[in-house]
Amino acid sequence: SRDNAKKTVYLQLNSLKPEDTAVYYCAAAEVYPAVLDAVYTF
């Protein structure tokens, strides 16, 4: 989800599993859809 007024994006992670263990990165892209990391600029 996102709150543009707060300039914040959220990721709610429920029912977590051990395989979810990772470093999670937030990224910004100028196009949509964007599911490949190559299109993210920041």
Full PDB file with SEQRES, HELIX, SHEET, SSBOND, CRYST1, ORIGX, SCALE, CONECT and MASTER records, all heavy atoms in Angstrom:
SEQRES   1 A   42  SER ARG ASP ASN ALA LYS LYS THR VAL TYR LEU GLN LEU          
SEQRES   2 A   42  ASN SER LEU LYS PRO GLU ASP THR ALA VAL TYR TYR CYS          
SEQRES   3 A   42  ALA ALA ALA GLU VAL TYR PRO ALA VAL LEU ASP ALA VAL          
SEQRES   4 A   42  TYR THR PHE                                                  
HELIX    1 AA1 ASN A    4  LYS A    6  5                                   3    
HELIX    2 AA2 PRO A   18  ASP A   20  5                                   3    
HELIX    3 AA3 ASP A   37  VAL A   39  5                                   3    
SHEET    1 AA1 2 ARG A   2  ASP A   3  0                                        
SHEET    2 AA1 2 THR A   8  VAL A   9 -1                                        
CRYST1    1.000    1.000    1.000  90.00  90.00  90.00 P 1           1          
ORIGX1      1.000000  0.000000  0.000000        0.00000                         
ORIGX2      0.000000  1.000000  0.000000        0.00000                         
ORIGX3      0.000000  0.000000  1.000000        0.00000                         
SCALE1      1.000000  0.000000  0.000000        0.00000                         
SCALE2      0.000000  1.000000  0.000000        0.00000                         
SCALE3      0.000000  0.000000  1.000000        0.00000                         
ATOM      1  N   SER A   1       0.846  -1.181   0.000  1.00  0.00           N  
ATOM      2  CA  SER A   1       0.000   0.000   0.000  1.00  0.00           C  
ATOM      3  C   SER A   1       0.885   1.236   0.000  1.00  0.00           C  
ATOM      4  O   SER A   1       2.095   1.146   0.220  1.00  0.00           O  
ATOM      5  CB  SER A   1      -0.945   0.005   1.207  1.00  0.00           C  
ATOM      6  OG  SER A   1      -0.214   0.021   2.419  1.00  0.00           O  
ATOM      7  N   ARG A   2       0.275   2.376  -0.256  1.00  0.00           N  
ATOM      8  CA  ARG A   2       1.047   3.612  -0.253  1.00  0.00           C  
ATOM      9  C   ARG A   2       0.217   4.755   0.278  1.00  0.00           C  
ATOM     10  O   ARG A   2      -1.009   4.776   0.169  1.00  0.00           O  
ATOM     11  CB  ARG A   2       1.574   3.939  -1.665  1.00  0.00           C  
ATOM     12  CG  ARG A   2       0.501   4.279  -2.685  1.00  0.00           C  
ATOM     13  CD  ARG A   2       1.093   4.326  -4.090  1.00  0.00           C  
ATOM     14  NE  ARG A   2       2.070   5.391  -4.256  1.00  0.00           N  
ATOM     15  CZ  ARG A   2       2.965   5.438  -5.231  1.00  0.00           C  
ATOM     16  NH1 ARG A   2       3.024   4.459  -6.132  1.00  0.00           N  
ATOM     17  NH2 ARG A   2       3.814   6.461  -5.304  1.00  0.00           N  
ATOM     18  N   ASP A   3       0.902   5.711   0.869  1.00  0.00           N  
ATOM     19  CA  ASP A   3       0.296   6.926   1.359  1.00  0.00           C  
ATOM     20  C   ASP A   3       1.098   8.066   0.752  1.00  0.00           C  
ATOM     21  O   ASP A   3       2.178   8.405   1.240  1.00  0.00           O  
ATOM     22  CB  ASP A   3       0.324   6.978   2.887  1.00  0.00           C  
ATOM     23  CG  ASP A   3      -0.427   8.164   3.447  1.00  0.00           C  
ATOM     24  OD1 ASP A   3      -0.543   9.196   2.754  1.00  0.00           O  
ATOM     25  OD2 ASP A   3      -0.909   8.068   4.588  1.00  0.00           O  
ATOM     26  N   ASN A   4       0.580   8.620  -0.314  1.00  0.00           N  
ATOM     27  CA  ASN A   4       1.327   9.645  -1.031  1.00  0.00           C  
ATOM     28  C   ASN A   4       1.529  10.907  -0.196  1.00  0.00           C  
ATOM     29  O   ASN A   4       2.540  11.596  -0.348  1.00  0.00           O  
ATOM     30  CB  ASN A   4       0.630   9.982  -2.347  1.00  0.00           C  
ATOM     31  CG  ASN A   4       0.726   8.870  -3.359  1.00  0.00           C  
ATOM     32  OD1 ASN A   4       1.611   8.013  -3.280  1.00  0.00           O  
ATOM     33  ND2 ASN A   4      -0.174   8.863  -4.331  1.00  0.00           N  
ATOM     34  N   ALA A   5       0.564  11.213   0.665  1.00  0.00           N  
ATOM     35  CA  ALA A   5       0.699  12.387   1.520  1.00  0.00           C  
ATOM     36  C   ALA A   5       1.882  12.242   2.464  1.00  0.00           C  
ATOM     37  O   ALA A   5       2.540  13.226   2.799  1.00  0.00           O  
ATOM     38  CB  ALA A   5      -0.579  12.633   2.309  1.00  0.00           C  
ATOM     39  N   LYS A   6       2.147  11.013   2.897  1.00  0.00           N  
ATOM     40  CA  LYS A   6       3.269  10.745   3.793  1.00  0.00           C  
ATOM     41  C   LYS A   6       4.521  10.324   3.046  1.00  0.00           C  
ATOM     42  O   LYS A   6       5.550  10.068   3.672  1.00  0.00           O  
ATOM     43  CB  LYS A   6       2.894   9.665   4.807  1.00  0.00           C  
ATOM     44  CG  LYS A   6       1.761  10.049   5.739  1.00  0.00           C  
ATOM     45  CD  LYS A   6       1.462   8.928   6.726  1.00  0.00           C  
ATOM     46  CE  LYS A   6       0.358   9.309   7.677  1.00  0.00           C  
ATOM     47  NZ  LYS A   6       0.042   8.222   8.631  1.00  0.00           N  
ATOM     48  N   LYS A   7       4.432  10.240   1.727  1.00  0.00           N  
ATOM     49  CA  LYS A   7       5.553   9.795   0.897  1.00  0.00           C  
ATOM     50  C   LYS A   7       6.097   8.464   1.392  1.00  0.00           C  
ATOM     51  O   LYS A   7       7.308   8.272   1.530  1.00  0.00           O  
ATOM     52  CB  LYS A   7       6.658  10.854   0.866  1.00  0.00           C  
ATOM     53  CG  LYS A   7       6.264  12.150   0.187  1.00  0.00           C  
ATOM     54  CD  LYS A   7       7.454  13.092   0.111  1.00  0.00           C  
ATOM     55  CE  LYS A   7       7.112  14.356  -0.636  1.00  0.00           C  
ATOM     56  NZ  LYS A   7       8.288  15.264  -0.750  1.00  0.00           N  
ATOM     57  N   THR A   8       5.196   7.546   1.649  1.00  0.00           N  
ATOM     58  CA  THR A   8       5.568   6.269   2.232  1.00  0.00           C  
ATOM     59  C   THR A   8       4.846   5.117   1.540  1.00  0.00           C  
ATOM     60  O   THR A   8       3.661   5.226   1.230  1.00  0.00           O  
ATOM     61  CB  THR A   8       5.241   6.233   3.734  1.00  0.00           C  
ATOM     62  OG1 THR A   8       5.920   7.318   4.389  1.00  0.00           O  
ATOM     63  CG2 THR A   8       5.689   4.928   4.364  1.00  0.00           C  
ATOM     64  N   VAL A   9       5.569   4.037   1.309  1.00  0.00           N  
ATOM     65  CA  VAL A   9       4.987   2.802   0.816  1.00  0.00           C  
ATOM     66  C   VAL A   9       5.179   1.743   1.891  1.00  0.00           C  
ATOM     67  O   VAL A   9       6.200   1.730   2.592  1.00  0.00           O  
ATOM     68  CB  VAL A   9       5.616   2.371  -0.528  1.00  0.00           C  
ATOM     69  CG1 VAL A   9       7.114   2.103  -0.376  1.00  0.00           C  
ATOM     70  CG2 VAL A   9       4.904   1.150  -1.090  1.00  0.00           C  
ATOM     71  N   TYR A  10       4.186   0.860   2.032  1.00  0.00           N  
ATOM     72  CA  TYR A  10       4.208  -0.151   3.066  1.00  0.00           C  
ATOM     73  C   TYR A  10       4.137  -1.539   2.459  1.00  0.00           C  
ATOM     74  O   TYR A  10       3.589  -1.743   1.377  1.00  0.00           O  
ATOM     75  CB  TYR A  10       3.025   0.017   4.018  1.00  0.00           C  
ATOM     76  CG  TYR A  10       2.909   1.382   4.639  1.00  0.00           C  
ATOM     77  CD1 TYR A  10       2.093   2.360   4.072  1.00  0.00           C  
ATOM     78  CD2 TYR A  10       3.615   1.701   5.792  1.00  0.00           C  
ATOM     79  CE1 TYR A  10       1.977   3.612   4.638  1.00  0.00           C  
ATOM     80  CE2 TYR A  10       3.509   2.956   6.365  1.00  0.00           C  
ATOM     81  CZ  TYR A  10       2.693   3.906   5.791  1.00  0.00           C  
ATOM     82  OH  TYR A  10       2.587   5.152   6.360  1.00  0.00           O  
ATOM     83  N   LEU A  11       4.665  -2.481   3.179  1.00  0.00           N  
ATOM     84  CA  LEU A  11       4.488  -3.880   2.843  1.00  0.00           C  
ATOM     85  C   LEU A  11       4.096  -4.614   4.116  1.00  0.00           C  
ATOM     86  O   LEU A  11       4.898  -4.715   5.046  1.00  0.00           O  
ATOM     87  CB  LEU A  11       5.755  -4.495   2.247  1.00  0.00           C  
ATOM     88  CG  LEU A  11       5.610  -5.930   1.746  1.00  0.00           C  
ATOM     89  CD1 LEU A  11       4.695  -5.974   0.518  1.00  0.00           C  
ATOM     90  CD2 LEU A  11       6.969  -6.534   1.410  1.00  0.00           C  
ATOM     91  N   GLN A  12       2.854  -5.073   4.155  1.00  0.00           N  
ATOM     92  CA  GLN A  12       2.367  -5.858   5.275  1.00  0.00           C  
ATOM     93  C   GLN A  12       2.666  -7.320   5.001  1.00  0.00           C  
ATOM     94  O   GLN A  12       2.209  -7.871   4.000  1.00  0.00           O  
ATOM     95  CB  GLN A  12       0.865  -5.650   5.464  1.00  0.00           C  
ATOM     96  CG  GLN A  12       0.250  -6.454   6.603  1.00  0.00           C  
ATOM     97  CD  GLN A  12       0.709  -5.992   7.960  1.00  0.00           C  
ATOM     98  OE1 GLN A  12       0.822  -4.798   8.196  1.00  0.00           O  
ATOM     99  NE2 GLN A  12       0.975  -6.928   8.855  1.00  0.00           N  
ATOM    100  N   LEU A  13       3.437  -7.935   5.865  1.00  0.00           N  
ATOM    101  CA  LEU A  13       3.838  -9.326   5.702  1.00  0.00           C  
ATOM    102  C   LEU A  13       3.135 -10.162   6.768  1.00  0.00           C  
ATOM    103  O   LEU A  13       3.436 -10.043   7.954  1.00  0.00           O  
ATOM    104  CB  LEU A  13       5.351  -9.505   5.835  1.00  0.00           C  
ATOM    105  CG  LEU A  13       6.271  -8.780   4.838  1.00  0.00           C  
ATOM    106  CD1 LEU A  13       6.452  -7.317   5.221  1.00  0.00           C  
ATOM    107  CD2 LEU A  13       7.631  -9.463   4.813  1.00  0.00           C  
ATOM    108  N   ASN A  14       2.200 -10.987   6.345  1.00  0.00           N  
ATOM    109  CA  ASN A  14       1.472 -11.862   7.251  1.00  0.00           C  
ATOM    110  C   ASN A  14       1.840 -13.316   7.007  1.00  0.00           C  
ATOM    111  O   ASN A  14       2.348 -13.674   5.946  1.00  0.00           O  
ATOM    112  CB  ASN A  14      -0.040 -11.679   7.077  1.00  0.00           C  
ATOM    113  CG  ASN A  14      -0.529 -10.311   7.459  1.00  0.00           C  
ATOM    114  OD1 ASN A  14       0.030  -9.653   8.332  1.00  0.00           O  
ATOM    115  ND2 ASN A  14      -1.606  -9.864   6.806  1.00  0.00           N  
ATOM    116  N   SER A  15       1.554 -14.141   7.988  1.00  0.00           N  
ATOM    117  CA  SER A  15       1.805 -15.580   7.884  1.00  0.00           C  
ATOM    118  C   SER A  15       3.216 -15.856   7.393  1.00  0.00           C  
ATOM    119  O   SER A  15       3.433 -16.654   6.475  1.00  0.00           O  
ATOM    120  CB  SER A  15       0.775 -16.227   6.951  1.00  0.00           C  
ATOM    121  OG  SER A  15      -0.542 -16.015   7.409  1.00  0.00           O  
ATOM    122  N   LEU A  16       4.166 -15.223   8.012  1.00  0.00           N  
ATOM    123  CA  LEU A  16       5.550 -15.324   7.565  1.00  0.00           C  
ATOM    124  C   LEU A  16       6.086 -16.743   7.699  1.00  0.00           C  
ATOM    125  O   LEU A  16       5.760 -17.467   8.647  1.00  0.00           O  
ATOM    126  CB  LEU A  16       6.424 -14.349   8.341  1.00  0.00           C  
ATOM    127  CG  LEU A  16       6.308 -12.898   7.877  1.00  0.00           C  
ATOM    128  CD1 LEU A  16       6.855 -11.949   8.926  1.00  0.00           C  
ATOM    129  CD2 LEU A  16       7.050 -12.719   6.554  1.00  0.00           C  
ATOM    130  N   LYS A  17       6.904 -17.106   6.740  1.00  0.00           N  
ATOM    131  CA  LYS A  17       7.529 -18.412   6.686  1.00  0.00           C  
ATOM    132  C   LYS A  17       9.045 -18.249   6.723  1.00  0.00           C  
ATOM    133  O   LYS A  17       9.562 -17.209   6.334  1.00  0.00           O  
ATOM    134  CB  LYS A  17       7.138 -19.143   5.397  1.00  0.00           C  
ATOM    135  CG  LYS A  17       5.648 -19.249   5.147  1.00  0.00           C  
ATOM    136  CD  LYS A  17       5.373 -19.845   3.772  1.00  0.00           C  
ATOM    137  CE  LYS A  17       3.887 -19.932   3.491  1.00  0.00           C  
ATOM    138  NZ  LYS A  17       3.625 -20.494   2.142  1.00  0.00           N  
ATOM    139  N   PRO A  18       9.761 -19.266   7.161  1.00  0.00           N  
ATOM    140  CA  PRO A  18      11.226 -19.165   7.160  1.00  0.00           C  
ATOM    141  C   PRO A  18      11.798 -18.804   5.791  1.00  0.00           C  
ATOM    142  O   PRO A  18      12.807 -18.089   5.726  1.00  0.00           O  
ATOM    143  CB  PRO A  18      11.672 -20.557   7.609  1.00  0.00           C  
ATOM    144  CG  PRO A  18      10.563 -21.021   8.483  1.00  0.00           C  
ATOM    145  CD  PRO A  18       9.307 -20.505   7.829  1.00  0.00           C  
ATOM    146  N   GLU A  19      11.166 -19.262   4.725  1.00  0.00           N  
ATOM    147  CA  GLU A  19      11.652 -18.950   3.389  1.00  0.00           C  
ATOM    148  C   GLU A  19      11.454 -17.491   2.997  1.00  0.00           C  
ATOM    149  O   GLU A  19      11.946 -17.055   1.956  1.00  0.00           O  
ATOM    150  CB  GLU A  19      11.007 -19.864   2.335  1.00  0.00           C  
ATOM    151  CG  GLU A  19       9.491 -19.918   2.403  1.00  0.00           C  
ATOM    152  CD  GLU A  19       8.982 -21.128   3.167  1.00  0.00           C  
ATOM    153  OE1 GLU A  19       9.537 -21.426   4.247  1.00  0.00           O  
ATOM    154  OE2 GLU A  19       8.037 -21.778   2.689  1.00  0.00           O  
ATOM    155  N   ASP A  20      10.738 -16.726   3.811  1.00  0.00           N  
ATOM    156  CA  ASP A  20      10.613 -15.290   3.587  1.00  0.00           C  
ATOM    157  C   ASP A  20      11.824 -14.520   4.103  1.00  0.00           C  
ATOM    158  O   ASP A  20      11.924 -13.317   3.880  1.00  0.00           O  
ATOM    159  CB  ASP A  20       9.354 -14.740   4.260  1.00  0.00           C  
ATOM    160  CG  ASP A  20       8.070 -15.282   3.648  1.00  0.00           C  
ATOM    161  OD1 ASP A  20       8.002 -15.396   2.404  1.00  0.00           O  
ATOM    162  OD2 ASP A  20       7.139 -15.590   4.414  1.00  0.00           O  
ATOM    163  N   THR A  21      12.699 -15.196   4.799  1.00  0.00           N  
ATOM    164  CA  THR A  21      13.889 -14.549   5.343  1.00  0.00           C  
ATOM    165  C   THR A  21      14.733 -13.968   4.216  1.00  0.00           C  
ATOM    166  O   THR A  21      15.116 -14.673   3.279  1.00  0.00           O  
ATOM    167  CB  THR A  21      14.715 -15.546   6.156  1.00  0.00           C  
ATOM    168  OG1 THR A  21      13.972 -15.968   7.301  1.00  0.00           O  
ATOM    169  CG2 THR A  21      16.023 -14.915   6.619  1.00  0.00           C  
ATOM    170  N   ALA A  22      15.008 -12.679   4.302  1.00  0.00           N  
ATOM    171  CA  ALA A  22      15.759 -11.987   3.264  1.00  0.00           C  
ATOM    172  C   ALA A  22      15.950 -10.545   3.673  1.00  0.00           C  
ATOM    173  O   ALA A  22      15.338 -10.061   4.627  1.00  0.00           O  
ATOM    174  CB  ALA A  22      15.021 -12.052   1.927  1.00  0.00           C  
ATOM    175  N   VAL A  23      16.795  -9.862   2.924  1.00  0.00           N  
ATOM    176  CA  VAL A  23      16.852  -8.414   3.005  1.00  0.00           C  
ATOM    177  C   VAL A  23      15.803  -7.876   2.043  1.00  0.00           C  
ATOM    178  O   VAL A  23      15.791  -8.238   0.867  1.00  0.00           O  
ATOM    179  CB  VAL A  23      18.244  -7.871   2.648  1.00  0.00           C  
ATOM    180  CG1 VAL A  23      18.239  -6.348   2.651  1.00  0.00           C  
ATOM    181  CG2 VAL A  23      19.282  -8.400   3.625  1.00  0.00           C  
ATOM    182  N   TYR A  24      14.927  -7.038   2.543  1.00  0.00           N  
ATOM    183  CA  TYR A  24      13.859  -6.472   1.732  1.00  0.00           C  
ATOM    184  C   TYR A  24      14.219  -5.061   1.312  1.00  0.00           C  
ATOM    185  O   TYR A  24      14.587  -4.224   2.141  1.00  0.00           O  
ATOM    186  CB  TYR A  24      12.541  -6.473   2.511  1.00  0.00           C  
ATOM    187  CG  TYR A  24      11.911  -7.836   2.573  1.00  0.00           C  
ATOM    188  CD1 TYR A  24      12.479  -8.843   3.348  1.00  0.00           C  
ATOM    189  CD2 TYR A  24      10.760  -8.133   1.843  1.00  0.00           C  
ATOM    190  CE1 TYR A  24      11.920 -10.112   3.388  1.00  0.00           C  
ATOM    191  CE2 TYR A  24      10.188  -9.395   1.879  1.00  0.00           C  
ATOM    192  CZ  TYR A  24      10.774 -10.376   2.655  1.00  0.00           C  
ATOM    193  OH  TYR A  24      10.208 -11.635   2.694  1.00  0.00           O  
ATOM    194  N   TYR A  25      14.100  -4.799   0.021  1.00  0.00           N  
ATOM    195  CA  TYR A  25      14.468  -3.519  -0.550  1.00  0.00           C  
ATOM    196  C   TYR A  25      13.254  -2.810  -1.136  1.00  0.00           C  
ATOM    197  O   TYR A  25      12.437  -3.433  -1.822  1.00  0.00           O  
ATOM    198  CB  TYR A  25      15.496  -3.689  -1.668  1.00  0.00           C  
ATOM    199  CG  TYR A  25      16.816  -4.261  -1.222  1.00  0.00           C  
ATOM    200  CD1 TYR A  25      17.053  -5.628  -1.272  1.00  0.00           C  
ATOM    201  CD2 TYR A  25      17.833  -3.428  -0.768  1.00  0.00           C  
ATOM    202  CE1 TYR A  25      18.265  -6.158  -0.871  1.00  0.00           C  
ATOM    203  CE2 TYR A  25      19.050  -3.947  -0.371  1.00  0.00           C  
ATOM    204  CZ  TYR A  25      19.261  -5.314  -0.426  1.00  0.00           C  
ATOM    205  OH  TYR A  25      20.470  -5.833  -0.027  1.00  0.00           O  
ATOM    206  N   CYS A  26      13.170  -1.554  -0.878  1.00  0.00           N  
ATOM    207  CA  CYS A  26      12.187  -0.689  -1.500  1.00  0.00           C  
ATOM    208  C   CYS A  26      12.823  -0.043  -2.722  1.00  0.00           C  
ATOM    209  O   CYS A  26      14.004   0.295  -2.706  1.00  0.00           O  
ATOM    210  CB  CYS A  26      11.740   0.377  -0.498  1.00  0.00           C  
ATOM    211  SG  CYS A  26      10.621   1.628  -1.144  1.00  0.00           S  
ATOM    212  N   ALA A  27      12.045   0.124  -3.788  1.00  0.00           N  
ATOM    213  CA  ALA A  27      12.577   0.713  -5.007  1.00  0.00           C  
ATOM    214  C   ALA A  27      11.512   1.535  -5.712  1.00  0.00           C  
ATOM    215  O   ALA A  27      10.311   1.304  -5.547  1.00  0.00           O  
ATOM    216  CB  ALA A  27      13.098  -0.381  -5.945  1.00  0.00           C  
ATOM    217  N   ALA A  28      11.959   2.492  -6.514  1.00  0.00           N  
ATOM    218  CA  ALA A  28      11.065   3.373  -7.257  1.00  0.00           C  
ATOM    219  C   ALA A  28      11.359   3.287  -8.743  1.00  0.00           C  
ATOM    220  O   ALA A  28      12.521   3.271  -9.154  1.00  0.00           O  
ATOM    221  CB  ALA A  28      11.212   4.810  -6.774  1.00  0.00           C  
ATOM    222  N   ALA A  29      10.296   3.236  -9.541  1.00  0.00           N  
ATOM    223  CA  ALA A  29      10.403   3.200 -10.991  1.00  0.00           C  
ATOM    224  C   ALA A  29       9.507   4.269 -11.596  1.00  0.00           C  
ATOM    225  O   ALA A  29       8.555   4.729 -10.960  1.00  0.00           O  
ATOM    226  CB  ALA A  29      10.020   1.820 -11.524  1.00  0.00           C  
ATOM    227  N   GLU A  30       9.786   4.623 -12.832  1.00  0.00           N  
ATOM    228  CA  GLU A  30       9.012   5.653 -13.508  1.00  0.00           C  
ATOM    229  C   GLU A  30       7.960   5.086 -14.448  1.00  0.00           C  
ATOM    230  O   GLU A  30       7.271   5.851 -15.127  1.00  0.00           O  
ATOM    231  CB  GLU A  30       9.950   6.583 -14.276  1.00  0.00           C  
ATOM    232  CG  GLU A  30      10.920   7.323 -13.378  1.00  0.00           C  
ATOM    233  CD  GLU A  30      11.831   8.269 -14.133  1.00  0.00           C  
ATOM    234  OE1 GLU A  30      11.413   8.761 -15.201  1.00  0.00           O  
ATOM    235  OE2 GLU A  30      12.945   8.518 -13.655  1.00  0.00           O  
ATOM    236  N   VAL A  31       7.842   3.775 -14.496  1.00  0.00           N  
ATOM    237  CA  VAL A  31       6.862   3.131 -15.361  1.00  0.00           C  
ATOM    238  C   VAL A  31       6.067   2.107 -14.571  1.00  0.00           C  
ATOM    239  O   VAL A  31       6.487   1.639 -13.508  1.00  0.00           O  
ATOM    240  CB  VAL A  31       7.530   2.436 -16.567  1.00  0.00           C  
ATOM    241  CG1 VAL A  31       8.250   3.448 -17.435  1.00  0.00           C  
ATOM    242  CG2 VAL A  31       8.492   1.348 -16.095  1.00  0.00           C  
ATOM    243  N   TYR A  32       4.898   1.737 -15.107  1.00  0.00           N  
ATOM    244  CA  TYR A  32       4.077   0.679 -14.549  1.00  0.00           C  
ATOM    245  C   TYR A  32       3.451  -0.088 -15.699  1.00  0.00           C  
ATOM    246  O   TYR A  32       2.970   0.528 -16.649  1.00  0.00           O  
ATOM    247  CB  TYR A  32       2.986   1.224 -13.629  1.00  0.00           C  
ATOM    248  CG  TYR A  32       2.233   0.124 -12.928  1.00  0.00           C  
ATOM    249  CD1 TYR A  32       2.653  -0.349 -11.693  1.00  0.00           C  
ATOM    250  CD2 TYR A  32       1.116  -0.466 -13.516  1.00  0.00           C  
ATOM    251  CE1 TYR A  32       1.983  -1.376 -11.057  1.00  0.00           C  
ATOM    252  CE2 TYR A  32       0.443  -1.501 -12.882  1.00  0.00           C  
ATOM    253  CZ  TYR A  32       0.881  -1.952 -11.645  1.00  0.00           C  
ATOM    254  OH  TYR A  32       0.217  -2.975 -11.033  1.00  0.00           O  
ATOM    255  N   PRO A  33       3.401  -1.427 -15.682  1.00  0.00           N  
ATOM    256  CA  PRO A  33       3.891  -2.264 -14.578  1.00  0.00           C  
ATOM    257  C   PRO A  33       5.414  -2.337 -14.530  1.00  0.00           C  
ATOM    258  O   PRO A  33       6.092  -2.072 -15.519  1.00  0.00           O  
ATOM    259  CB  PRO A  33       3.288  -3.632 -14.907  1.00  0.00           C  
ATOM    260  CG  PRO A  33       3.209  -3.642 -16.400  1.00  0.00           C  
ATOM    261  CD  PRO A  33       2.810  -2.240 -16.768  1.00  0.00           C  
ATOM    262  N   ALA A  34       5.912  -2.701 -13.373  1.00  0.00           N  
ATOM    263  CA  ALA A  34       7.348  -2.806 -13.167  1.00  0.00           C  
ATOM    264  C   ALA A  34       7.621  -3.935 -12.181  1.00  0.00           C  
ATOM    265  O   ALA A  34       7.518  -3.742 -10.970  1.00  0.00           O  
ATOM    266  CB  ALA A  34       7.916  -1.494 -12.647  1.00  0.00           C  
ATOM    267  N   VAL A  35       7.928  -5.096 -12.703  1.00  0.00           N  
ATOM    268  CA  VAL A  35       8.212  -6.256 -11.865  1.00  0.00           C  
ATOM    269  C   VAL A  35       9.644  -6.734 -12.016  1.00  0.00           C  
ATOM    270  O   VAL A  35      10.058  -7.654 -11.320  1.00  0.00           O  
ATOM    271  CB  VAL A  35       7.242  -7.415 -12.167  1.00  0.00           C  
ATOM    272  CG1 VAL A  35       5.807  -6.997 -11.878  1.00  0.00           C  
ATOM    273  CG2 VAL A  35       7.382  -7.878 -13.611  1.00  0.00           C  
ATOM    274  N   LEU A  36      10.392  -6.127 -12.917  1.00  0.00           N  
ATOM    275  CA  LEU A  36      11.793  -6.463 -13.097  1.00  0.00           C  
ATOM    276  C   LEU A  36      12.650  -5.383 -12.456  1.00  0.00           C  
ATOM    277  O   LEU A  36      12.407  -4.198 -12.641  1.00  0.00           O  
ATOM    278  CB  LEU A  36      12.146  -6.593 -14.580  1.00  0.00           C  
ATOM    279  CG  LEU A  36      11.376  -7.657 -15.357  1.00  0.00           C  
ATOM    280  CD1 LEU A  36      11.782  -7.636 -16.825  1.00  0.00           C  
ATOM    281  CD2 LEU A  36      11.605  -9.037 -14.762  1.00  0.00           C  
ATOM    282  N   ASP A  37      13.670  -5.798 -11.728  1.00  0.00           N  
ATOM    283  CA  ASP A  37      14.476  -4.830 -11.009  1.00  0.00           C  
ATOM    284  C   ASP A  37      15.232  -3.883 -11.931  1.00  0.00           C  
ATOM    285  O   ASP A  37      15.616  -2.788 -11.520  1.00  0.00           O  
ATOM    286  CB  ASP A  37      15.432  -5.511 -10.025  1.00  0.00           C  
ATOM    287  CG  ASP A  37      16.337  -6.547 -10.676  1.00  0.00           C  
ATOM    288  OD1 ASP A  37      16.327  -6.682 -11.915  1.00  0.00           O  
ATOM    289  OD2 ASP A  37      17.068  -7.223  -9.930  1.00  0.00           O  
ATOM    290  N   ALA A  38      15.418  -4.283 -13.188  1.00  0.00           N  
ATOM    291  CA  ALA A  38      16.163  -3.455 -14.123  1.00  0.00           C  
ATOM    292  C   ALA A  38      15.478  -2.130 -14.423  1.00  0.00           C  
ATOM    293  O   ALA A  38      16.139  -1.175 -14.834  1.00  0.00           O  
ATOM    294  CB  ALA A  38      16.411  -4.218 -15.423  1.00  0.00           C  
ATOM    295  N   VAL A  39      14.169  -2.043 -14.236  1.00  0.00           N  
ATOM    296  CA  VAL A  39      13.450  -0.812 -14.560  1.00  0.00           C  
ATOM    297  C   VAL A  39      13.361   0.141 -13.369  1.00  0.00           C  
ATOM    298  O   VAL A  39      12.855   1.252 -13.519  1.00  0.00           O  
ATOM    299  CB  VAL A  39      12.037  -1.101 -15.098  1.00  0.00           C  
ATOM    300  CG1 VAL A  39      12.099  -2.063 -16.268  1.00  0.00           C  
ATOM    301  CG2 VAL A  39      11.131  -1.644 -14.006  1.00  0.00           C  
ATOM    302  N   TYR A  40      13.848  -0.268 -12.230  1.00  0.00           N  
ATOM    303  CA  TYR A  40      13.810   0.589 -11.048  1.00  0.00           C  
ATOM    304  C   TYR A  40      15.054   1.458 -10.989  1.00  0.00           C  
ATOM    305  O   TYR A  40      16.175   0.969 -11.129  1.00  0.00           O  
ATOM    306  CB  TYR A  40      13.661  -0.244  -9.773  1.00  0.00           C  
ATOM    307  CG  TYR A  40      12.262  -0.780  -9.610  1.00  0.00           C  
ATOM    308  CD1 TYR A  40      11.853  -1.936 -10.258  1.00  0.00           C  
ATOM    309  CD2 TYR A  40      11.338  -0.103  -8.819  1.00  0.00           C  
ATOM    310  CE1 TYR A  40      10.558  -2.410 -10.128  1.00  0.00           C  
ATOM    311  CE2 TYR A  40      10.045  -0.577  -8.681  1.00  0.00           C  
ATOM    312  CZ  TYR A  40       9.659  -1.729  -9.335  1.00  0.00           C  
ATOM    313  OH  TYR A  40       8.376  -2.202  -9.199  1.00  0.00           O  
ATOM    314  N   THR A  41      14.837   2.723 -10.749  1.00  0.00           N  
ATOM    315  CA  THR A  41      15.913   3.702 -10.771  1.00  0.00           C  
ATOM    316  C   THR A  41      16.512   3.964  -9.401  1.00  0.00           C  
ATOM    317  O   THR A  41      17.724   4.175  -9.276  1.00  0.00           O  
ATOM    318  CB  THR A  41      15.406   5.030 -11.359  1.00  0.00           C  
ATOM    319  OG1 THR A  41      14.857   4.803 -12.669  1.00  0.00           O  
ATOM    320  CG2 THR A  41      16.539   6.039 -11.472  1.00  0.00           C  
ATOM    321  N   PHE A  42      15.674   3.955  -8.377  1.00  0.00           N  
ATOM    322  CA  PHE A  42      16.115   4.297  -7.033  1.00  0.00           C  
ATOM    323  C   PHE A  42      15.858   3.134  -6.086  1.00  0.00           C  
ATOM    324  O   PHE A  42      14.820   2.477  -6.164  1.00  0.00           O  
ATOM    325  CB  PHE A  42      15.400   5.549  -6.518  1.00  0.00           C  
ATOM    326  CG  PHE A  42      15.588   6.744  -7.401  1.00  0.00           C  
ATOM    327  CD1 PHE A  42      14.624   7.105  -8.317  1.00  0.00           C  
ATOM    328  CD2 PHE A  42      16.747   7.502  -7.312  1.00  0.00           C  
ATOM    329  CE1 PHE A  42      14.789   8.203  -9.140  1.00  0.00           C  
ATOM    330  CE2 PHE A  42      16.932   8.604  -8.131  1.00  0.00           C  
ATOM    331  CZ  PHE A  42      15.949   8.958  -9.047  1.00  0.00           C  
TER     332      PHE A  42                                                      
MASTER        0    0    0    3    2    0    0    6  331    1    0    4          
END                                                                             
